[in-house]
Amino acid sequence: MNTDKIYAEQLANEYAPKEASKVVALKKLDAKAKMPATIFAYTFGILSALVMGAGMCLSMEVIGPGGTGAMAAGVAIGLLGIAGAGLNFPVYKKLLEKGKRKYAFEIVELARQISEKPE
């Protein structure tokens, strides 16, 4: 087994011009369909967690003036953050479904071309 030859072929393949593969195009379309929903889910989830944490800090008198009013406001803000976190997944599913519907025809056609291609 000539390891130098294997290494040389591997290196040559790395630097050789890549052909636009239909599989790569299919993966890109799939990512393009899912990306907006994923970005929304992460962003909205992080913001909801921060709102909930701010409410917790306010209700436990870590921040703010303290007292009954601050505690009540903190609980309300915390519940708002919890509601946002609870809504995150259903909204994500709707956005994902919308993205898949938008690119469904292109993805199915490309997948059909790949699967029907003679080997």
PDB file of N, CA and C in Angstrom:
ATOM      1  N   MET A   1       0.845  -1.169   0.000  1.00  0.00           N
ATOM      2  CA  MET A   1       0.000   0.000   0.000  1.00  0.00           C
ATOM      3  C   MET A   1       0.893   1.236   0.000  1.00  0.00           C
ATOM      4  N   ASN A   2       0.721   2.043  -1.008  1.00  0.00           N
ATOM      5  CA  ASN A   2       1.545   3.225  -1.188  1.00  0.00           C
ATOM      6  C   ASN A   2       0.819   4.430  -0.597  1.00  0.00           C
ATOM      7  N   THR A   3       1.216   4.818   0.608  1.00  0.00           N
ATOM      8  CA  THR A   3       0.530   5.923   1.282  1.00  0.00           C
ATOM      9  C   THR A   3       0.833   7.261   0.621  1.00  0.00           C
ATOM     10  N   ASP A   4       1.986   7.387   0.002  1.00  0.00           N
ATOM     11  CA  ASP A   4       2.309   8.636  -0.696  1.00  0.00           C
ATOM     12  C   ASP A   4       1.353   8.864  -1.866  1.00  0.00           C
ATOM     13  N   LYS A   5       1.054   7.799  -2.584  1.00  0.00           N
ATOM     14  CA  LYS A   5       0.138   7.900  -3.715  1.00  0.00           C
ATOM     15  C   LYS A   5      -1.268   8.266  -3.245  1.00  0.00           C
ATOM     16  N   ILE A   6      -1.728   7.654  -2.162  1.00  0.00           N
ATOM     17  CA  ILE A   6      -3.045   7.951  -1.609  1.00  0.00           C
ATOM     18  C   ILE A   6      -3.114   9.410  -1.164  1.00  0.00           C
ATOM     19  N   TYR A   7      -2.062   9.852  -0.487  1.00  0.00           N
ATOM     20  CA  TYR A   7      -2.020  11.243  -0.026  1.00  0.00           C
ATOM     21  C   TYR A   7      -2.027  12.209  -1.204  1.00  0.00           C
ATOM     22  N   ALA A   8      -1.271  11.902  -2.237  1.00  0.00           N
ATOM     23  CA  ALA A   8      -1.209  12.773  -3.414  1.00  0.00           C
ATOM     24  C   ALA A   8      -2.572  12.848  -4.109  1.00  0.00           C
ATOM     25  N   GLU A   9      -3.270  11.730  -4.221  1.00  0.00           N
ATOM     26  CA  GLU A   9      -4.593  11.733  -4.843  1.00  0.00           C
ATOM     27  C   GLU A   9      -5.594  12.518  -4.005  1.00  0.00           C
ATOM     28  N   GLN A  10      -5.505  12.350  -2.708  1.00  0.00           N
ATOM     29  CA  GLN A  10      -6.408  13.077  -1.810  1.00  0.00           C
ATOM     30  C   GLN A  10      -6.176  14.580  -1.921  1.00  0.00           C
ATOM     31  N   LEU A  11      -4.934  14.996  -1.956  1.00  0.00           N
ATOM     32  CA  LEU A  11      -4.595  16.405  -2.076  1.00  0.00           C
ATOM     33  C   LEU A  11      -5.011  16.956  -3.434  1.00  0.00           C
ATOM     34  N   ALA A  12      -4.817  16.179  -4.489  1.00  0.00           N
ATOM     35  CA  ALA A  12      -5.226  16.610  -5.831  1.00  0.00           C
ATOM     36  C   ALA A  12      -6.744  16.776  -5.896  1.00  0.00           C
ATOM     37  N   ASN A  13      -7.491  15.874  -5.276  1.00  0.00           N
ATOM     38  CA  ASN A  13      -8.951  15.990  -5.249  1.00  0.00           C
ATOM     39  C   ASN A  13      -9.410  17.228  -4.487  1.00  0.00           C
ATOM     40  N   GLU A  14      -8.668  17.578  -3.470  1.00  0.00           N
ATOM     41  CA  GLU A  14      -9.012  18.758  -2.675  1.00  0.00           C
ATOM     42  C   GLU A  14      -8.873  20.042  -3.490  1.00  0.00           C
ATOM     43  N   TYR A  15      -7.872  20.105  -4.358  1.00  0.00           N
ATOM     44  CA  TYR A  15      -7.602  21.320  -5.132  1.00  0.00           C
ATOM     45  C   TYR A  15      -8.236  21.294  -6.525  1.00  0.00           C
ATOM     46  N   ALA A  16      -8.766  20.166  -6.924  1.00  0.00           N
ATOM     47  CA  ALA A  16      -9.390  20.073  -8.248  1.00  0.00           C
ATOM     48  C   ALA A  16     -10.690  20.883  -8.254  1.00  0.00           C
ATOM     49  N   PRO A  17     -11.043  21.460  -9.395  1.00  0.00           N
ATOM     50  CA  PRO A  17     -12.299  22.221  -9.455  1.00  0.00           C
ATOM     51  C   PRO A  17     -13.491  21.310  -9.193  1.00  0.00           C
ATOM     52  N   LYS A  18     -14.382  21.799  -8.375  1.00  0.00           N
ATOM     53  CA  LYS A  18     -15.552  21.009  -8.006  1.00  0.00           C
ATOM     54  C   LYS A  18     -16.659  21.215  -9.034  1.00  0.00           C
ATOM     55  N   GLU A  19     -17.313  20.121  -9.376  1.00  0.00           N
ATOM     56  CA  GLU A  19     -18.461  20.196 -10.270  1.00  0.00           C
ATOM     57  C   GLU A  19     -19.694  20.493  -9.419  1.00  0.00           C
ATOM     58  N   ALA A  20     -20.601  21.255  -9.980  1.00  0.00           N
ATOM     59  CA  ALA A  20     -21.836  21.571  -9.271  1.00  0.00           C
ATOM     60  C   ALA A  20     -22.695  20.319  -9.213  1.00  0.00           C
ATOM     61  N   SER A  21     -22.729  19.699  -8.085  1.00  0.00           N
ATOM     62  CA  SER A  21     -23.459  18.461  -7.901  1.00  0.00           C
ATOM     63  C   SER A  21     -24.920  18.763  -7.580  1.00  0.00           C
ATOM     64  N   LYS A  22     -25.794  17.911  -8.057  1.00  0.00           N
ATOM     65  CA  LYS A  22     -27.217  18.080  -7.764  1.00  0.00           C
ATOM     66  C   LYS A  22     -27.504  17.807  -6.290  1.00  0.00           C
ATOM     67  N   VAL A  23     -26.728  16.924  -5.693  1.00  0.00           N
ATOM     68  CA  VAL A  23     -26.912  16.632  -4.274  1.00  0.00           C
ATOM     69  C   VAL A  23     -26.555  17.860  -3.440  1.00  0.00           C
ATOM     70  N   VAL A  24     -25.476  18.538  -3.805  1.00  0.00           N
ATOM     71  CA  VAL A  24     -25.081  19.756  -3.096  1.00  0.00           C
ATOM     72  C   VAL A  24     -26.152  20.825  -3.258  1.00  0.00           C
ATOM     73  N   ALA A  25     -26.696  20.951  -4.474  1.00  0.00           N
ATOM     74  CA  ALA A  25     -27.769  21.919  -4.712  1.00  0.00           C
ATOM     75  C   ALA A  25     -29.005  21.570  -3.889  1.00  0.00           C
ATOM     76  N   LEU A  26     -29.287  20.275  -3.750  1.00  0.00           N
ATOM     77  CA  LEU A  26     -30.428  19.837  -2.948  1.00  0.00           C
ATOM     78  C   LEU A  26     -30.226  20.182  -1.476  1.00  0.00           C
ATOM     79  N   LYS A  27     -29.013  19.971  -0.977  1.00  0.00           N
ATOM     80  CA  LYS A  27     -28.714  20.314   0.418  1.00  0.00           C
ATOM     81  C   LYS A  27     -28.830  21.817   0.651  1.00  0.00           C
ATOM     82  N   LYS A  28     -28.378  22.612  -0.318  1.00  0.00           N
ATOM     83  CA  LYS A  28     -28.474  24.069  -0.186  1.00  0.00           C
ATOM     84  C   LYS A  28     -29.922  24.528  -0.180  1.00  0.00           C
ATOM     85  N   LEU A  29     -30.746  23.940  -1.038  1.00  0.00           N
ATOM     86  CA  LEU A  29     -32.164  24.284  -1.056  1.00  0.00           C
ATOM     87  C   LEU A  29     -32.842  23.907   0.252  1.00  0.00           C
ATOM     88  N   ASP A  30     -32.491  22.752   0.790  1.00  0.00           N
ATOM     89  CA  ASP A  30     -33.053  22.311   2.062  1.00  0.00           C
ATOM     90  C   ASP A  30     -32.678  23.282   3.179  1.00  0.00           C
ATOM     91  N   ALA A  31     -31.415  23.688   3.205  1.00  0.00           N
ATOM     92  CA  ALA A  31     -30.968  24.647   4.222  1.00  0.00           C
ATOM     93  C   ALA A  31     -31.652  25.997   4.039  1.00  0.00           C
ATOM     94  N   LYS A  32     -31.841  26.393   2.785  1.00  0.00           N
ATOM     95  CA  LYS A  32     -32.496  27.669   2.488  1.00  0.00           C
ATOM     96  C   LYS A  32     -33.950  27.656   2.945  1.00  0.00           C
ATOM     97  N   ALA A  33     -34.596  26.517   2.870  1.00  0.00           N
ATOM     98  CA  ALA A  33     -35.984  26.397   3.306  1.00  0.00           C
ATOM     99  C   ALA A  33     -36.103  26.441   4.829  1.00  0.00           C
ATOM    100  N   LYS A  34     -35.117  25.892   5.531  1.00  0.00           N
ATOM    101  CA  LYS A  34     -35.187  25.782   6.990  1.00  0.00           C
ATOM    102  C   LYS A  34     -34.546  26.942   7.743  1.00  0.00           C
ATOM    103  N   MET A  35     -33.665  27.698   7.091  1.00  0.00           N
ATOM    104  CA  MET A  35     -32.890  28.717   7.794  1.00  0.00           C
ATOM    105  C   MET A  35     -33.725  29.822   8.462  1.00  0.00           C
ATOM    106  N   PRO A  36     -34.721  30.423   7.802  1.00  0.00           N
ATOM    107  CA  PRO A  36     -35.477  31.493   8.475  1.00  0.00           C
ATOM    108  C   PRO A  36     -36.158  31.034   9.766  1.00  0.00           C
ATOM    109  N   ALA A  37     -36.722  29.832   9.747  1.00  0.00           N
ATOM    110  CA  ALA A  37     -37.386  29.315  10.944  1.00  0.00           C
ATOM    111  C   ALA A  37     -36.374  29.080  12.068  1.00  0.00           C
ATOM    112  N   THR A  38     -35.217  28.574  11.722  1.00  0.00           N
ATOM    113  CA  THR A  38     -34.184  28.311  12.725  1.00  0.00           C
ATOM    114  C   THR A  38     -33.667  29.606  13.339  1.00  0.00           C
ATOM    115  N   ILE A  39     -33.419  30.596  12.510  1.00  0.00           N
ATOM    116  CA  ILE A  39     -32.934  31.883  13.013  1.00  0.00           C
ATOM    117  C   ILE A  39     -33.976  32.515  13.930  1.00  0.00           C
ATOM    118  N   PHE A  40     -35.244  32.465  13.519  1.00  0.00           N
ATOM    119  CA  PHE A  40     -36.295  33.019  14.364  1.00  0.00           C
ATOM    120  C   PHE A  40     -36.346  32.297  15.703  1.00  0.00           C
ATOM    121  N   ALA A  41     -36.307  30.965  15.674  1.00  0.00           N
ATOM    122  CA  ALA A  41     -36.440  30.187  16.902  1.00  0.00           C
ATOM    123  C   ALA A  41     -35.324  30.512  17.894  1.00  0.00           C
ATOM    124  N   TYR A  42     -34.100  30.573  17.414  1.00  0.00           N
ATOM    125  CA  TYR A  42     -32.990  30.905  18.324  1.00  0.00           C
ATOM    126  C   TYR A  42     -33.120  32.325  18.863  1.00  0.00           C
ATOM    127  N   THR A  43     -33.399  33.272  17.993  1.00  0.00           N
ATOM    128  CA  THR A  43     -33.482  34.669  18.412  1.00  0.00           C
ATOM    129  C   THR A  43     -34.618  34.879  19.396  1.00  0.00           C
ATOM    130  N   PHE A  44     -35.803  34.403  19.057  1.00  0.00           N
ATOM    131  CA  PHE A  44     -36.965  34.600  19.923  1.00  0.00           C
ATOM    132  C   PHE A  44     -36.806  33.846  21.235  1.00  0.00           C
ATOM    133  N   GLY A  45     -36.210  32.658  21.196  1.00  0.00           N
ATOM    134  CA  GLY A  45     -35.977  31.889  22.412  1.00  0.00           C
ATOM    135  C   GLY A  45     -35.005  32.584  23.353  1.00  0.00           C
ATOM    136  N   ILE A  46     -33.942  33.132  22.792  1.00  0.00           N
ATOM    137  CA  ILE A  46     -32.966  33.854  23.626  1.00  0.00           C
ATOM    138  C   ILE A  46     -33.599  35.092  24.233  1.00  0.00           C
ATOM    139  N   LEU A  47     -34.345  35.847  23.430  1.00  0.00           N
ATOM    140  CA  LEU A  47     -34.998  37.055  23.955  1.00  0.00           C
ATOM    141  C   LEU A  47     -36.030  36.705  25.029  1.00  0.00           C
ATOM    142  N   SER A  48     -36.787  35.649  24.830  1.00  0.00           N
ATOM    143  CA  SER A  48     -37.770  35.234  25.832  1.00  0.00           C
ATOM    144  C   SER A  48     -37.091  34.827  27.131  1.00  0.00           C
ATOM    145  N   ALA A  49     -35.983  34.122  27.030  1.00  0.00           N
ATOM    146  CA  ALA A  49     -35.244  33.726  28.230  1.00  0.00           C
ATOM    147  C   ALA A  49     -34.689  34.941  28.963  1.00  0.00           C
ATOM    148  N   LEU A  50     -34.228  35.927  28.202  1.00  0.00           N
ATOM    149  CA  LEU A  50     -33.718  37.149  28.843  1.00  0.00           C
ATOM    150  C   LEU A  50     -34.836  37.920  29.538  1.00  0.00           C
ATOM    151  N   VAL A  51     -35.995  37.993  28.916  1.00  0.00           N
ATOM    152  CA  VAL A  51     -37.139  38.673  29.542  1.00  0.00           C
ATOM    153  C   VAL A  51     -37.537  37.936  30.816  1.00  0.00           C
ATOM    154  N   MET A  52     -37.604  36.617  30.753  1.00  0.00           N
ATOM    155  CA  MET A  52     -37.952  35.837  31.939  1.00  0.00           C
ATOM    156  C   MET A  52     -36.919  36.039  33.049  1.00  0.00           C
ATOM    157  N   GLY A  53     -35.650  36.058  32.690  1.00  0.00           N
ATOM    158  CA  GLY A  53     -34.598  36.282  33.686  1.00  0.00           C
ATOM    159  C   GLY A  53     -34.669  37.663  34.301  1.00  0.00           C
ATOM    160  N   ALA A  54     -34.982  38.661  33.484  1.00  0.00           N
ATOM    161  CA  ALA A  54     -35.134  40.015  34.031  1.00  0.00           C
ATOM    162  C   ALA A  54     -36.304  40.074  35.002  1.00  0.00           C
ATOM    163  N   GLY A  55     -37.391  39.387  34.663  1.00  0.00           N
ATOM    164  CA  GLY A  55     -38.533  39.330  35.578  1.00  0.00           C
ATOM    165  C   GLY A  55     -38.189  38.629  36.868  1.00  0.00           C
ATOM    166  N   MET A  56     -37.424  37.550  36.783  1.00  0.00           N
ATOM    167  CA  MET A  56     -36.997  36.845  37.997  1.00  0.00           C
ATOM    168  C   MET A  56     -36.121  37.734  38.867  1.00  0.00           C
ATOM    169  N   CYS A  57     -35.191  38.441  38.235  1.00  0.00           N
ATOM    170  CA  CYS A  57     -34.306  39.315  39.001  1.00  0.00           C
ATOM    171  C   CYS A  57     -35.090  40.442  39.672  1.00  0.00           C
ATOM    172  N   LEU A  58     -36.073  40.970  38.976  1.00  0.00           N
ATOM    173  CA  LEU A  58     -36.890  42.046  39.526  1.00  0.00           C
ATOM    174  C   LEU A  58     -37.743  41.527  40.683  1.00  0.00           C
ATOM    175  N   SER A  59     -38.308  40.342  40.549  1.00  0.00           N
ATOM    176  CA  SER A  59     -39.168  39.807  41.605  1.00  0.00           C
ATOM    177  C   SER A  59     -38.367  39.366  42.830  1.00  0.00           C
ATOM    178  N   MET A  60     -37.103  38.981  42.635  1.00  0.00           N
ATOM    179  CA  MET A  60     -36.276  38.577  43.775  1.00  0.00           C
ATOM    180  C   MET A  60     -35.460  39.742  44.327  1.00  0.00           C
ATOM    181  N   GLU A  61     -35.741  40.929  43.827  1.00  0.00           N
ATOM    182  CA  GLU A  61     -35.126  42.173  44.293  1.00  0.00           C
ATOM    183  C   GLU A  61     -33.621  42.213  44.076  1.00  0.00           C
ATOM    184  N   VAL A  62     -33.151  41.542  43.024  1.00  0.00           N
ATOM    185  CA  VAL A  62     -31.745  41.634  42.653  1.00  0.00           C
ATOM    186  C   VAL A  62     -31.509  42.948  41.932  1.00  0.00           C
ATOM    187  N   ILE A  63     -32.479  43.327  41.111  1.00  0.00           N
ATOM    188  CA  ILE A  63     -32.451  44.622  40.451  1.00  0.00           C
ATOM    189  C   ILE A  63     -33.718  45.372  40.831  1.00  0.00           C
ATOM    190  N   GLY A  64     -33.713  46.660  40.681  1.00  0.00           N
ATOM    191  CA  GLY A  64     -34.896  47.454  40.959  1.00  0.00           C
ATOM    192  C   GLY A  64     -34.956  47.903  42.415  1.00  0.00           C
ATOM    193  N   PRO A  65     -36.004  48.680  42.725  1.00  0.00           N
ATOM    194  CA  PRO A  65     -36.104  49.266  44.064  1.00  0.00           C
ATOM    195  C   PRO A  65     -36.571  48.294  45.137  1.00  0.00           C
ATOM    196  N   GLY A  66     -37.167  47.190  44.760  1.00  0.00           N
ATOM    197  CA  GLY A  66     -37.691  46.243  45.737  1.00  0.00           C
ATOM    198  C   GLY A  66     -39.110  46.617  46.117  1.00  0.00           C
ATOM    199  N   GLY A  67     -39.677  45.869  46.995  1.00  0.00           N
ATOM    200  CA  GLY A  67     -41.032  46.137  47.438  1.00  0.00           C
ATOM    201  C   GLY A  67     -42.048  45.288  46.684  1.00  0.00           C
ATOM    202  N   THR A  68     -43.301  45.462  47.087  1.00  0.00           N
ATOM    203  CA  THR A  68     -44.389  44.657  46.525  1.00  0.00           C
ATOM    204  C   THR A  68     -44.648  44.988  45.059  1.00  0.00           C
ATOM    205  N   GLY A  69     -44.569  46.252  44.699  1.00  0.00           N
ATOM    206  CA  GLY A  69     -44.810  46.658  43.308  1.00  0.00           C
ATOM    207  C   GLY A  69     -43.779  46.083  42.362  1.00  0.00           C
ATOM    208  N   ALA A  70     -42.524  46.123  42.782  1.00  0.00           N
ATOM    209  CA  ALA A  70     -41.455  45.575  41.941  1.00  0.00           C
ATOM    210  C   ALA A  70     -41.592  44.065  41.811  1.00  0.00           C
ATOM    211  N   MET A  71     -42.021  43.409  42.911  1.00  0.00           N
ATOM    212  CA  MET A  71     -42.193  41.960  42.852  1.00  0.00           C
ATOM    213  C   MET A  71     -43.333  41.598  41.891  1.00  0.00           C
ATOM    214  N   ALA A  72     -44.418  42.331  41.962  1.00  0.00           N
ATOM    215  CA  ALA A  72     -45.551  42.063  41.073  1.00  0.00           C
ATOM    216  C   ALA A  72     -45.158  42.314  39.614  1.00  0.00           C
ATOM    217  N   ALA A  73     -44.423  43.393  39.372  1.00  0.00           N
ATOM    218  CA  ALA A  73     -43.961  43.677  38.009  1.00  0.00           C
ATOM    219  C   ALA A  73     -43.000  42.597  37.534  1.00  0.00           C
ATOM    220  N   GLY A  74     -42.154  42.122  38.423  1.00  0.00           N
ATOM    221  CA  GLY A  74     -41.215  41.061  38.073  1.00  0.00           C
ATOM    222  C   GLY A  74     -41.912  39.765  37.719  1.00  0.00           C
ATOM    223  N   VAL A  75     -42.954  39.440  38.481  1.00  0.00           N
ATOM    224  CA  VAL A  75     -43.720  38.224  38.177  1.00  0.00           C
ATOM    225  C   VAL A  75     -44.409  38.369  36.830  1.00  0.00           C
ATOM    226  N   ALA A  76     -44.986  39.540  36.561  1.00  0.00           N
ATOM    227  CA  ALA A  76     -45.662  39.768  35.280  1.00  0.00           C
ATOM    228  C   ALA A  76     -44.667  39.683  34.121  1.00  0.00           C
ATOM    229  N   ILE A  77     -43.510  40.283  34.275  1.00  0.00           N
ATOM    230  CA  ILE A  77     -42.487  40.235  33.224  1.00  0.00           C
ATOM    231  C   ILE A  77     -41.979  38.804  33.045  1.00  0.00           C
ATOM    232  N   GLY A  78     -41.790  38.090  34.132  1.00  0.00           N
ATOM    233  CA  GLY A  78     -41.361  36.687  34.048  1.00  0.00           C
ATOM    234  C   GLY A  78     -42.384  35.826  33.333  1.00  0.00           C
ATOM    235  N   LEU A  79     -43.660  36.038  33.622  1.00  0.00           N
ATOM    236  CA  LEU A  79     -44.711  35.289  32.936  1.00  0.00           C
ATOM    237  C   LEU A  79     -44.753  35.617  31.451  1.00  0.00           C
ATOM    238  N   LEU A  80     -44.460  36.854  31.117  1.00  0.00           N
ATOM    239  CA  LEU A  80     -44.385  37.248  29.709  1.00  0.00           C
ATOM    240  C   LEU A  80     -43.252  36.483  29.003  1.00  0.00           C
ATOM    241  N   GLY A  81     -42.113  36.363  29.668  1.00  0.00           N
ATOM    242  CA  GLY A  81     -40.996  35.598  29.114  1.00  0.00           C
ATOM    243  C   GLY A  81     -41.320  34.121  28.977  1.00  0.00           C
ATOM    244  N   ILE A  82     -42.024  33.569  29.963  1.00  0.00           N
ATOM    245  CA  ILE A  82     -42.424  32.160  29.894  1.00  0.00           C
ATOM    246  C   ILE A  82     -43.403  31.939  28.744  1.00  0.00           C
ATOM    247  N   ALA A  83     -44.334  32.881  28.565  1.00  0.00           N
ATOM    248  CA  ALA A  83     -45.290  32.771  27.453  1.00  0.00           C
ATOM    249  C   ALA A  83     -44.563  32.820  26.110  1.00  0.00           C
ATOM    250  N   GLY A  84     -43.575  33.697  25.999  1.00  0.00           N
ATOM    251  CA  GLY A  84     -42.792  33.782  24.767  1.00  0.00           C
ATOM    252  C   GLY A  84     -42.049  32.489  24.490  1.00  0.00           C
ATOM    253  N   ALA A  85     -41.459  31.910  25.529  1.00  0.00           N
ATOM    254  CA  ALA A  85     -40.746  30.644  25.350  1.00  0.00           C
ATOM    255  C   ALA A  85     -41.712  29.525  24.978  1.00  0.00           C
ATOM    256  N   GLY A  86     -42.921  29.569  25.529  1.00  0.00           N
ATOM    257  CA  GLY A  86     -43.918  28.559  25.202  1.00  0.00           C
ATOM    258  C   GLY A  86     -44.432  28.683  23.775  1.00  0.00           C
ATOM    259  N   LEU A  87     -44.487  29.889  23.265  1.00  0.00           N
ATOM    260  CA  LEU A  87     -44.959  30.115  21.895  1.00  0.00           C
ATOM    261  C   LEU A  87     -43.886  29.871  20.849  1.00  0.00           C
ATOM    262  N   ASN A  88     -42.655  29.796  21.285  1.00  0.00           N
ATOM    263  CA  ASN A  88     -41.541  29.687  20.343  1.00  0.00           C
ATOM    264  C   ASN A  88     -41.666  28.470  19.425  1.00  0.00           C
ATOM    265  N   PHE A  89     -41.922  27.300  19.988  1.00  0.00           N
ATOM    266  CA  PHE A  89     -41.954  26.083  19.166  1.00  0.00           C
ATOM    267  C   PHE A  89     -43.118  26.068  18.183  1.00  0.00           C
ATOM    268  N   PRO A  90     -44.347  26.406  18.572  1.00  0.00           N
ATOM    269  CA  PRO A  90     -45.425  26.431  17.569  1.00  0.00           C
ATOM    270  C   PRO A  90     -45.169  27.420  16.428  1.00  0.00           C
ATOM    271  N   VAL A  91     -44.611  28.575  16.748  1.00  0.00           N
ATOM    272  CA  VAL A  91     -44.303  29.548  15.697  1.00  0.00           C
ATOM    273  C   VAL A  91     -43.190  29.010  14.801  1.00  0.00           C
ATOM    274  N   TYR A  92     -42.202  28.349  15.387  1.00  0.00           N
ATOM    275  CA  TYR A  92     -41.129  27.734  14.610  1.00  0.00           C
ATOM    276  C   TYR A  92     -41.699  26.712  13.626  1.00  0.00           C
ATOM    277  N   LYS A  93     -42.608  25.862  14.107  1.00  0.00           N
ATOM    278  CA  LYS A  93     -43.198  24.839  13.237  1.00  0.00           C
ATOM    279  C   LYS A  93     -43.955  25.480  12.077  1.00  0.00           C
ATOM    280  N   LYS A  94     -44.692  26.561  12.333  1.00  0.00           N
ATOM    281  CA  LYS A  94     -45.430  27.251  11.265  1.00  0.00           C
ATOM    282  C   LYS A  94     -44.461  27.838  10.242  1.00  0.00           C
ATOM    283  N   LEU A  95     -43.394  28.490  10.714  1.00  0.00           N
ATOM    284  CA  LEU A  95     -42.412  29.077   9.799  1.00  0.00           C
ATOM    285  C   LEU A  95     -41.687  28.002   8.995  1.00  0.00           C
ATOM    286  N   LEU A  96     -41.391  26.888   9.627  1.00  0.00           N
ATOM    287  CA  LEU A  96     -40.731  25.785   8.936  1.00  0.00           C
ATOM    288  C   LEU A  96     -41.641  25.213   7.850  1.00  0.00           C
ATOM    289  N   GLU A  97     -42.908  25.058   8.176  1.00  0.00           N
ATOM    290  CA  GLU A  97     -43.874  24.558   7.195  1.00  0.00           C
ATOM    291  C   GLU A  97     -43.992  25.527   6.018  1.00  0.00           C
ATOM    292  N   LYS A  98     -43.997  26.815   6.303  1.00  0.00           N
ATOM    293  CA  LYS A  98     -44.083  27.825   5.243  1.00  0.00           C
ATOM    294  C   LYS A  98     -42.848  27.774   4.340  1.00  0.00           C
ATOM    295  N   GLY A  99     -41.670  27.650   4.933  1.00  0.00           N
ATOM    296  CA  GLY A  99     -40.436  27.557   4.150  1.00  0.00           C
ATOM    297  C   GLY A  99     -40.393  26.300   3.302  1.00  0.00           C
ATOM    298  N   LYS A 100     -40.846  25.184   3.871  1.00  0.00           N
ATOM    299  CA  LYS A 100     -40.861  23.932   3.103  1.00  0.00           C
ATOM    300  C   LYS A 100     -41.849  24.021   1.948  1.00  0.00           C
ATOM    301  N   ARG A 101     -42.990  24.652   2.189  1.00  0.00           N
ATOM    302  CA  ARG A 101     -43.982  24.817   1.126  1.00  0.00           C
ATOM    303  C   ARG A 101     -43.433  25.690   0.001  1.00  0.00           C
ATOM    304  N   LYS A 102     -42.652  26.700   0.374  1.00  0.00           N
ATOM    305  CA  LYS A 102     -42.109  27.635  -0.613  1.00  0.00           C
ATOM    306  C   LYS A 102     -41.138  26.949  -1.577  1.00  0.00           C
ATOM    307  N   TYR A 103     -40.311  26.052  -1.061  1.00  0.00           N
ATOM    308  CA  TYR A 103     -39.286  25.402  -1.875  1.00  0.00           C
ATOM    309  C   TYR A 103     -39.619  23.952  -2.222  1.00  0.00           C
ATOM    310  N   ALA A 104     -40.824  23.507  -1.922  1.00  0.00           N
ATOM    311  CA  ALA A 104     -41.184  22.100  -2.108  1.00  0.00           C
ATOM    312  C   ALA A 104     -41.042  21.651  -3.557  1.00  0.00           C
ATOM    313  N   PHE A 105     -41.546  22.436  -4.486  1.00  0.00           N
ATOM    314  CA  PHE A 105     -41.517  22.017  -5.885  1.00  0.00           C
ATOM    315  C   PHE A 105     -40.081  21.829  -6.367  1.00  0.00           C
ATOM    316  N   GLU A 106     -39.221  22.807  -6.081  1.00  0.00           N
ATOM    317  CA  GLU A 106     -37.827  22.724  -6.534  1.00  0.00           C
ATOM    318  C   GLU A 106     -37.107  21.534  -5.909  1.00  0.00           C
ATOM    319  N   ILE A 107     -37.342  21.312  -4.618  1.00  0.00           N
ATOM    320  CA  ILE A 107     -36.660  20.220  -3.920  1.00  0.00           C
ATOM    321  C   ILE A 107     -37.131  18.867  -4.447  1.00  0.00           C
ATOM    322  N   VAL A 108     -38.428  18.725  -4.655  1.00  0.00           N
ATOM    323  CA  VAL A 108     -38.958  17.454  -5.152  1.00  0.00           C
ATOM    324  C   VAL A 108     -38.455  17.177  -6.565  1.00  0.00           C
ATOM    325  N   GLU A 109     -38.439  18.194  -7.412  1.00  0.00           N
ATOM    326  CA  GLU A 109     -37.954  18.004  -8.781  1.00  0.00           C
ATOM    327  C   GLU A 109     -36.479  17.598  -8.797  1.00  0.00           C
ATOM    328  N   LEU A 110     -35.683  18.281  -7.996  1.00  0.00           N
ATOM    329  CA  LEU A 110     -34.255  17.966  -7.939  1.00  0.00           C
ATOM    330  C   LEU A 110     -34.028  16.575  -7.344  1.00  0.00           C
ATOM    331  N   ALA A 111     -34.771  16.215  -6.331  1.00  0.00           N
ATOM    332  CA  ALA A 111     -34.655  14.882  -5.740  1.00  0.00           C
ATOM    333  C   ALA A 111     -35.069  13.812  -6.744  1.00  0.00           C
ATOM    334  N   ARG A 112     -36.096  14.099  -7.528  1.00  0.00           N
ATOM    335  CA  ARG A 112     -36.537  13.134  -8.536  1.00  0.00           C
ATOM    336  C   ARG A 112     -35.458  12.962  -9.609  1.00  0.00           C
ATOM    337  N   GLN A 113     -34.830  14.054 -10.005  1.00  0.00           N
ATOM    338  CA  GLN A 113     -33.750  13.970 -11.003  1.00  0.00           C
ATOM    339  C   GLN A 113     -32.584  13.139 -10.478  1.00  0.00           C
ATOM    340  N   ILE A 114     -32.259  13.312  -9.221  1.00  0.00           N
ATOM    341  CA  ILE A 114     -31.148  12.567  -8.629  1.00  0.00           C
ATOM    342  C   ILE A 114     -31.491  11.083  -8.538  1.00  0.00           C
ATOM    343  N   SER A 115     -32.714  10.774  -8.089  1.00  0.00           N
ATOM    344  CA  SER A 115     -33.069   9.364  -7.897  1.00  0.00           C
ATOM    345  C   SER A 115     -33.277   8.632  -9.210  1.00  0.00           C
ATOM    346  N   GLU A 116     -33.638   9.333 -10.281  1.00  0.00           N
ATOM    347  CA  GLU A 116     -33.862   8.682 -11.568  1.00  0.00           C
ATOM    348  C   GLU A 116     -32.611   8.654 -12.444  1.00  0.00           C
ATOM    349  N   LYS A 117     -31.550   9.260 -11.974  1.00  0.00           N
ATOM    350  CA  LYS A 117     -30.312   9.312 -12.761  1.00  0.00           C
ATOM    351  C   LYS A 117     -29.712   7.897 -12.878  1.00  0.00           C
ATOM    352  N   PRO A 118     -29.413   7.462 -14.117  1.00  0.00           N
ATOM    353  CA  PRO A 118     -28.800   6.139 -14.277  1.00  0.00           C
ATOM    354  C   PRO A 118     -27.371   6.135 -13.751  1.00  0.00           C
ATOM    355  N   GLU A 119     -27.017   5.089 -13.100  1.00  0.00           N
ATOM    356  CA  GLU A 119     -25.672   4.977 -12.499  1.00  0.00           C
ATOM    357  C   GLU A 119     -24.670   4.486 -13.503  1.00  0.00           C
TER     358      GLU A 119
END
